[in-house]
N, C-alpha and C. Protein backbone atom coordinates (compact mmCIF):
# COMPACT_ATOMS: atom_id res chain seq x y z
N MET A 1 15.56 -11.65 -2.89
CA MET A 1 15.57 -10.62 -3.89
C MET A 1 16.46 -9.48 -3.42
N ASN A 2 17.17 -8.86 -4.34
CA ASN A 2 17.98 -7.69 -3.98
C ASN A 2 17.02 -6.47 -3.94
N HIS A 3 17.56 -5.35 -3.50
CA HIS A 3 16.77 -4.12 -3.33
C HIS A 3 16.02 -3.74 -4.62
N SER A 4 16.67 -3.78 -5.74
CA SER A 4 16.05 -3.40 -6.99
C SER A 4 14.96 -4.37 -7.37
N ASP A 5 15.21 -5.69 -7.20
CA ASP A 5 14.21 -6.70 -7.49
C ASP A 5 12.97 -6.53 -6.61
N LEU A 6 13.20 -6.18 -5.32
CA LEU A 6 12.08 -5.98 -4.40
C LEU A 6 11.12 -4.92 -4.93
N TRP A 7 11.70 -3.78 -5.27
CA TRP A 7 10.84 -2.67 -5.72
C TRP A 7 10.23 -2.93 -7.08
N ASP A 8 10.97 -3.62 -7.94
CA ASP A 8 10.37 -3.99 -9.26
C ASP A 8 9.16 -4.87 -9.02
N TYR A 9 9.30 -5.83 -8.09
CA TYR A 9 8.18 -6.73 -7.80
C TYR A 9 7.01 -5.98 -7.21
N ILE A 10 7.25 -5.12 -6.22
CA ILE A 10 6.19 -4.36 -5.57
C ILE A 10 5.48 -3.49 -6.60
N GLN A 11 6.26 -2.81 -7.47
CA GLN A 11 5.67 -1.87 -8.45
C GLN A 11 4.97 -2.62 -9.59
N SER A 12 5.21 -3.89 -9.75
CA SER A 12 4.55 -4.65 -10.82
C SER A 12 3.07 -4.94 -10.51
N ASN A 13 2.67 -4.63 -9.27
CA ASN A 13 1.29 -4.84 -8.85
C ASN A 13 0.74 -6.22 -9.20
N PRO A 14 1.40 -7.28 -8.68
CA PRO A 14 0.99 -8.64 -9.04
C PRO A 14 -0.35 -9.04 -8.41
N GLY A 15 -0.90 -8.22 -7.56
CA GLY A 15 -2.20 -8.57 -6.93
C GLY A 15 -2.53 -7.63 -5.81
N TRP A 16 -3.53 -7.99 -5.05
CA TRP A 16 -3.91 -7.19 -3.90
C TRP A 16 -2.87 -7.34 -2.81
N MET A 17 -2.67 -6.30 -2.07
CA MET A 17 -1.72 -6.32 -0.94
C MET A 17 -2.54 -6.58 0.32
N ALA A 18 -1.98 -7.36 1.23
CA ALA A 18 -2.62 -7.55 2.54
C ALA A 18 -2.09 -6.50 3.50
N LEU A 19 -2.97 -5.71 4.08
CA LEU A 19 -2.64 -4.68 5.03
C LEU A 19 -3.01 -5.17 6.42
N SER A 20 -2.05 -5.15 7.34
CA SER A 20 -2.32 -5.54 8.72
C SER A 20 -2.09 -4.36 9.64
N THR A 21 -3.09 -4.08 10.44
CA THR A 21 -3.03 -3.08 11.48
C THR A 21 -3.34 -3.74 12.81
N ILE A 22 -3.18 -3.06 13.89
CA ILE A 22 -3.46 -3.66 15.22
C ILE A 22 -4.75 -3.04 15.77
N GLY A 23 -5.73 -3.90 16.04
CA GLY A 23 -6.98 -3.44 16.59
C GLY A 23 -6.88 -3.04 18.03
N ASN A 24 -7.93 -2.41 18.57
CA ASN A 24 -7.88 -1.97 19.95
C ASN A 24 -7.92 -3.15 20.94
N ASP A 25 -8.21 -4.36 20.42
CA ASP A 25 -8.16 -5.55 21.25
C ASP A 25 -6.78 -6.20 21.25
N GLY A 26 -5.81 -5.58 20.51
CA GLY A 26 -4.46 -6.09 20.44
C GLY A 26 -4.20 -7.12 19.37
N PHE A 27 -5.24 -7.52 18.65
CA PHE A 27 -5.10 -8.53 17.61
C PHE A 27 -4.90 -7.88 16.25
N PRO A 28 -4.16 -8.56 15.36
CA PRO A 28 -4.03 -8.05 13.99
C PRO A 28 -5.35 -7.96 13.28
N HIS A 29 -5.49 -6.96 12.45
CA HIS A 29 -6.67 -6.75 11.57
C HIS A 29 -6.09 -6.73 10.17
N THR A 30 -6.32 -7.78 9.40
CA THR A 30 -5.73 -7.92 8.06
C THR A 30 -6.83 -7.93 6.99
N ILE A 31 -6.59 -7.10 5.98
CA ILE A 31 -7.56 -6.98 4.85
C ILE A 31 -6.81 -6.89 3.53
N PRO A 32 -7.40 -7.34 2.40
CA PRO A 32 -6.81 -7.14 1.09
C PRO A 32 -7.16 -5.74 0.59
N ILE A 33 -6.22 -5.12 -0.09
CA ILE A 33 -6.48 -3.72 -0.54
C ILE A 33 -5.57 -3.39 -1.70
N GLY A 34 -6.02 -2.48 -2.56
CA GLY A 34 -5.26 -1.99 -3.69
C GLY A 34 -4.23 -0.97 -3.24
N TYR A 35 -3.24 -0.73 -4.06
CA TYR A 35 -2.16 0.20 -3.68
C TYR A 35 -1.46 0.69 -4.91
N PHE A 36 -0.63 1.71 -4.74
CA PHE A 36 0.32 2.10 -5.75
C PHE A 36 1.57 2.66 -5.08
N VAL A 37 2.66 2.74 -5.82
CA VAL A 37 3.93 3.14 -5.26
C VAL A 37 4.45 4.38 -5.99
N SER A 38 5.05 5.27 -5.22
CA SER A 38 5.69 6.46 -5.77
C SER A 38 6.83 6.87 -4.86
N ASP A 39 8.05 6.95 -5.46
CA ASP A 39 9.25 7.43 -4.73
C ASP A 39 9.47 6.69 -3.41
N GLY A 40 9.33 5.38 -3.43
CA GLY A 40 9.59 4.56 -2.25
C GLY A 40 8.51 4.59 -1.19
N GLU A 41 7.41 5.25 -1.49
CA GLU A 41 6.24 5.29 -0.57
C GLU A 41 5.13 4.44 -1.18
N ILE A 42 4.37 3.81 -0.32
CA ILE A 42 3.23 2.99 -0.78
C ILE A 42 1.97 3.76 -0.33
N TYR A 43 1.04 3.92 -1.29
CA TYR A 43 -0.20 4.64 -1.04
C TYR A 43 -1.38 3.69 -1.19
N ILE A 44 -2.31 3.83 -0.25
CA ILE A 44 -3.52 3.02 -0.24
C ILE A 44 -4.70 3.96 -0.08
N GLY A 45 -5.62 3.90 -1.02
CA GLY A 45 -6.83 4.73 -0.90
C GLY A 45 -7.91 3.95 -0.21
N CYS A 46 -8.66 4.65 0.62
CA CYS A 46 -9.79 3.98 1.31
C CYS A 46 -10.75 5.05 1.89
N LEU A 47 -11.84 4.57 2.44
CA LEU A 47 -12.76 5.48 3.08
C LEU A 47 -12.26 5.85 4.47
N ASP A 48 -12.53 7.05 4.88
CA ASP A 48 -12.17 7.52 6.21
C ASP A 48 -13.03 6.80 7.24
N ARG A 49 -12.56 6.75 8.45
CA ARG A 49 -13.28 6.21 9.61
C ARG A 49 -13.53 4.69 9.52
N THR A 50 -12.83 4.00 8.64
CA THR A 50 -12.90 2.54 8.59
C THR A 50 -12.02 1.98 9.71
N GLN A 51 -12.16 0.71 9.96
CA GLN A 51 -11.40 0.11 11.06
C GLN A 51 -9.89 0.27 10.86
N LYS A 52 -9.43 0.07 9.63
CA LYS A 52 -7.99 0.19 9.38
C LYS A 52 -7.47 1.61 9.69
N VAL A 53 -8.29 2.61 9.37
CA VAL A 53 -7.88 4.01 9.64
C VAL A 53 -7.88 4.25 11.13
N LYS A 54 -8.91 3.79 11.81
CA LYS A 54 -8.96 3.95 13.30
C LYS A 54 -7.76 3.27 13.95
N ASN A 55 -7.44 2.06 13.45
CA ASN A 55 -6.29 1.34 14.01
C ASN A 55 -4.98 2.10 13.81
N ILE A 56 -4.79 2.66 12.63
CA ILE A 56 -3.58 3.41 12.34
C ILE A 56 -3.50 4.69 13.17
N GLU A 57 -4.64 5.31 13.45
CA GLU A 57 -4.64 6.49 14.31
C GLU A 57 -4.13 6.15 15.71
N ARG A 58 -4.36 4.91 16.19
CA ARG A 58 -3.89 4.49 17.51
C ARG A 58 -2.46 3.97 17.45
N ASN A 59 -2.08 3.34 16.35
CA ASN A 59 -0.75 2.71 16.24
C ASN A 59 -0.33 2.78 14.78
N THR A 60 0.67 3.58 14.49
CA THR A 60 1.10 3.79 13.09
C THR A 60 1.96 2.67 12.52
N ASN A 61 2.28 1.66 13.32
CA ASN A 61 3.05 0.53 12.81
C ASN A 61 2.11 -0.43 12.11
N ILE A 62 2.42 -0.69 10.81
CA ILE A 62 1.63 -1.61 10.00
C ILE A 62 2.55 -2.60 9.30
N SER A 63 1.94 -3.61 8.73
CA SER A 63 2.70 -4.49 7.83
C SER A 63 1.87 -4.69 6.57
N LEU A 64 2.56 -4.87 5.48
CA LEU A 64 1.95 -5.11 4.17
C LEU A 64 2.58 -6.40 3.61
N MET A 65 1.76 -7.25 3.03
CA MET A 65 2.29 -8.50 2.45
C MET A 65 1.75 -8.65 1.05
N LEU A 66 2.64 -8.98 0.14
CA LEU A 66 2.29 -9.18 -1.27
C LEU A 66 2.93 -10.48 -1.69
N GLU A 67 2.15 -11.38 -2.28
CA GLU A 67 2.70 -12.65 -2.71
C GLU A 67 2.02 -13.07 -4.01
N SER A 68 2.80 -13.77 -4.85
CA SER A 68 2.25 -14.29 -6.12
C SER A 68 2.84 -15.65 -6.34
N GLY A 69 2.20 -16.39 -7.24
CA GLY A 69 2.63 -17.75 -7.58
C GLY A 69 1.63 -18.79 -7.08
N THR A 70 1.80 -19.99 -7.61
CA THR A 70 0.89 -21.07 -7.25
C THR A 70 1.56 -22.36 -6.82
N THR A 71 2.86 -22.47 -7.11
CA THR A 71 3.60 -23.68 -6.74
C THR A 71 4.90 -23.25 -6.07
N MET A 72 5.56 -24.20 -5.45
CA MET A 72 6.84 -23.89 -4.83
C MET A 72 7.89 -23.40 -5.82
N ASP A 73 7.67 -23.66 -7.10
CA ASP A 73 8.63 -23.22 -8.12
C ASP A 73 8.46 -21.76 -8.51
N ASP A 74 7.31 -21.16 -8.21
CA ASP A 74 7.14 -19.75 -8.59
C ASP A 74 6.58 -18.85 -7.51
N ILE A 75 6.43 -19.32 -6.28
CA ILE A 75 5.93 -18.45 -5.21
C ILE A 75 7.02 -17.48 -4.80
N LYS A 76 6.65 -16.18 -4.78
CA LYS A 76 7.54 -15.17 -4.25
C LYS A 76 6.71 -14.06 -3.62
N GLY A 77 7.36 -13.31 -2.78
CA GLY A 77 6.62 -12.26 -2.13
C GLY A 77 7.47 -11.36 -1.26
N VAL A 78 6.80 -10.40 -0.63
CA VAL A 78 7.47 -9.46 0.27
C VAL A 78 6.60 -9.19 1.48
N LEU A 79 7.23 -9.00 2.61
CA LEU A 79 6.58 -8.51 3.83
C LEU A 79 7.24 -7.16 4.12
N ILE A 80 6.42 -6.14 4.21
CA ILE A 80 6.91 -4.79 4.39
C ILE A 80 6.45 -4.28 5.76
N LYS A 81 7.40 -3.97 6.61
CA LYS A 81 7.08 -3.31 7.88
C LYS A 81 7.18 -1.81 7.59
N ALA A 82 6.17 -1.06 8.04
CA ALA A 82 6.11 0.35 7.67
C ALA A 82 5.48 1.22 8.74
N ASN A 83 5.76 2.51 8.63
CA ASN A 83 5.07 3.52 9.46
C ASN A 83 4.01 4.14 8.57
N ALA A 84 2.82 4.28 9.09
CA ALA A 84 1.71 4.77 8.29
C ALA A 84 1.28 6.18 8.73
N LYS A 85 0.79 6.90 7.78
CA LYS A 85 0.26 8.24 8.03
C LYS A 85 -1.03 8.36 7.26
N ILE A 86 -2.07 8.96 7.86
CA ILE A 86 -3.34 9.16 7.18
C ILE A 86 -3.28 10.55 6.51
N ILE A 87 -3.58 10.58 5.22
CA ILE A 87 -3.59 11.84 4.45
C ILE A 87 -5.06 12.28 4.35
N ARG A 88 -5.39 13.39 5.00
CA ARG A 88 -6.77 13.88 5.02
C ARG A 88 -6.98 15.27 4.37
N ARG A 89 -5.92 16.07 4.36
CA ARG A 89 -6.07 17.43 3.80
C ARG A 89 -6.49 17.33 2.35
N ASP A 90 -7.47 18.11 1.94
CA ASP A 90 -7.99 18.08 0.57
C ASP A 90 -6.91 18.26 -0.47
N GLU A 91 -6.00 19.24 -0.24
CA GLU A 91 -4.95 19.51 -1.24
C GLU A 91 -4.03 18.28 -1.39
N ASP A 92 -3.72 17.65 -0.27
CA ASP A 92 -2.86 16.49 -0.32
C ASP A 92 -3.56 15.28 -0.96
N ARG A 93 -4.85 15.11 -0.67
CA ARG A 93 -5.60 14.00 -1.27
C ARG A 93 -5.70 14.18 -2.78
N VAL A 94 -5.91 15.40 -3.23
CA VAL A 94 -5.97 15.65 -4.67
C VAL A 94 -4.61 15.35 -5.31
N LYS A 95 -3.53 15.78 -4.68
CA LYS A 95 -2.18 15.52 -5.19
C LYS A 95 -1.94 14.00 -5.35
N VAL A 96 -2.27 13.23 -4.31
CA VAL A 96 -2.05 11.79 -4.37
C VAL A 96 -3.01 11.14 -5.41
N SER A 97 -4.23 11.62 -5.48
CA SER A 97 -5.19 11.10 -6.43
C SER A 97 -4.72 11.35 -7.87
N ARG A 98 -4.14 12.50 -8.12
CA ARG A 98 -3.61 12.83 -9.44
C ARG A 98 -2.42 11.94 -9.78
N LEU A 99 -1.57 11.71 -8.77
CA LEU A 99 -0.41 10.83 -8.95
C LEU A 99 -0.87 9.41 -9.31
N ALA A 100 -1.88 8.92 -8.60
CA ALA A 100 -2.42 7.59 -8.90
C ALA A 100 -3.00 7.51 -10.30
N ALA A 101 -3.71 8.54 -10.69
CA ALA A 101 -4.33 8.57 -12.05
C ALA A 101 -3.26 8.59 -13.12
N LEU A 102 -2.21 9.37 -12.93
CA LEU A 102 -1.09 9.43 -13.89
C LEU A 102 -0.49 8.04 -14.06
N GLN A 103 -0.32 7.31 -12.97
CA GLN A 103 0.26 5.97 -13.04
C GLN A 103 -0.66 4.99 -13.77
N ARG A 104 -1.95 5.27 -13.73
CA ARG A 104 -2.92 4.41 -14.47
C ARG A 104 -3.03 4.81 -15.92
N GLY A 105 -2.30 5.88 -16.33
CA GLY A 105 -2.33 6.30 -17.75
C GLY A 105 -3.38 7.34 -18.08
N VAL A 106 -3.95 7.97 -17.08
CA VAL A 106 -4.97 9.03 -17.34
C VAL A 106 -4.26 10.23 -17.92
N ALA A 107 -4.87 10.81 -18.95
CA ALA A 107 -4.31 12.01 -19.61
C ALA A 107 -4.31 13.18 -18.64
N GLU A 108 -3.29 14.03 -18.77
CA GLU A 108 -3.18 15.22 -17.90
C GLU A 108 -4.46 16.02 -17.86
N SER A 109 -5.10 16.16 -19.00
CA SER A 109 -6.35 16.97 -19.09
C SER A 109 -7.51 16.32 -18.31
N ASP A 110 -7.40 15.05 -18.03
CA ASP A 110 -8.48 14.32 -17.36
C ASP A 110 -8.19 14.02 -15.88
N LEU A 111 -7.09 14.57 -15.37
CA LEU A 111 -6.72 14.30 -13.98
C LEU A 111 -7.78 14.89 -13.02
N PRO A 112 -7.99 14.23 -11.86
CA PRO A 112 -8.93 14.75 -10.92
C PRO A 112 -8.54 16.12 -10.38
N THR A 113 -9.54 16.95 -10.11
CA THR A 113 -9.30 18.28 -9.53
C THR A 113 -9.85 18.41 -8.12
N THR A 114 -10.63 17.41 -7.72
CA THR A 114 -11.14 17.37 -6.35
C THR A 114 -10.93 15.97 -5.79
N ALA A 115 -10.94 15.89 -4.48
CA ALA A 115 -10.80 14.59 -3.81
C ALA A 115 -12.19 13.96 -3.60
N ARG A 116 -12.20 12.66 -3.65
CA ARG A 116 -13.47 11.92 -3.47
C ARG A 116 -13.97 12.17 -2.02
N GLN A 117 -15.21 12.51 -1.92
CA GLN A 117 -15.84 12.77 -0.62
C GLN A 117 -15.69 11.58 0.31
N GLY A 118 -15.21 11.82 1.53
CA GLY A 118 -15.11 10.75 2.54
C GLY A 118 -13.91 9.84 2.39
N SER A 119 -13.04 10.15 1.44
CA SER A 119 -11.87 9.28 1.22
C SER A 119 -10.64 9.85 1.89
N VAL A 120 -9.68 8.94 2.12
CA VAL A 120 -8.36 9.33 2.64
C VAL A 120 -7.33 8.42 1.93
N TYR A 121 -6.09 8.76 2.10
CA TYR A 121 -5.03 7.88 1.66
C TYR A 121 -4.18 7.50 2.88
N ILE A 122 -3.73 6.28 2.85
CA ILE A 122 -2.73 5.83 3.83
C ILE A 122 -1.41 5.89 3.12
N GLN A 123 -0.46 6.59 3.69
CA GLN A 123 0.92 6.63 3.17
C GLN A 123 1.77 5.76 4.05
N ALA A 124 2.33 4.71 3.46
CA ALA A 124 3.18 3.78 4.20
C ALA A 124 4.63 4.00 3.83
N THR A 125 5.44 4.28 4.83
CA THR A 125 6.86 4.46 4.63
C THR A 125 7.60 3.21 5.17
N PRO A 126 8.12 2.41 4.25
CA PRO A 126 8.76 1.16 4.68
C PRO A 126 9.94 1.41 5.59
N THR A 127 10.04 0.55 6.62
CA THR A 127 11.19 0.60 7.52
C THR A 127 12.03 -0.69 7.36
N LYS A 128 11.41 -1.77 6.90
CA LYS A 128 12.11 -3.02 6.66
C LYS A 128 11.29 -3.85 5.67
N ILE A 129 12.02 -4.49 4.73
CA ILE A 129 11.34 -5.33 3.75
C ILE A 129 12.02 -6.70 3.78
N ILE A 130 11.19 -7.72 3.93
CA ILE A 130 11.68 -9.12 3.91
C ILE A 130 11.07 -9.76 2.68
N SER A 131 11.87 -10.53 1.93
CA SER A 131 11.36 -11.13 0.70
C SER A 131 11.64 -12.62 0.68
N TRP A 132 10.90 -13.31 -0.16
CA TRP A 132 11.13 -14.73 -0.41
C TRP A 132 10.86 -15.00 -1.88
N ASN A 133 11.55 -15.98 -2.40
CA ASN A 133 11.36 -16.42 -3.78
C ASN A 133 11.71 -17.94 -3.80
N TYR A 134 10.71 -18.78 -3.69
CA TYR A 134 10.95 -20.20 -3.61
C TYR A 134 11.46 -20.80 -4.92
N GLY A 135 11.33 -20.04 -6.02
CA GLY A 135 11.84 -20.50 -7.30
C GLY A 135 13.32 -20.32 -7.49
N GLU A 136 13.94 -19.49 -6.61
CA GLU A 136 15.38 -19.28 -6.71
C GLU A 136 16.11 -20.46 -6.09
N SER A 137 17.18 -20.84 -6.71
CA SER A 137 17.98 -21.97 -6.16
C SER A 137 18.93 -21.51 -5.10
C-alpha cells in the first residue's frame, strides 16, 4: 500500500488493533484494543496503571498491528512501529476525549467536559509502517 492507502486503511477502523509492549520480563505483551487517529497520531484510551501502561513507562517503543480479511484474496494489514507517550494531565485527557467524541459524531453541545476517572490515553507516534495486501497482484 502507498502512504495514502496506509492511512486510509488505518482510519477506516476495520477492527481492533493489537498493541504490543515489552514486559519487565523482556517478553512481548500483546492485547487487542480500540483506537482512533488524528493528524498522523494514534490514540488509545485505557485505564491507568494497567500492564500496558506500566510497560510503556519503562520502554516507549511499541508496535501496533491491524489486519482484516479472511482469505488470501482479501487479507491486508499494517504493522506500525511507534513511540508511545502516556497522556495523564486532566486538560490533555479532556482534549483527546473531545476529539474522539467528535470523530464518533457526538454533537458539540454533548462533548465531554471532564476526563473519565482513572483513565489515560496512549499517544502513539509512528516511526515506521509496514503493510501487506495479499489481494494485490
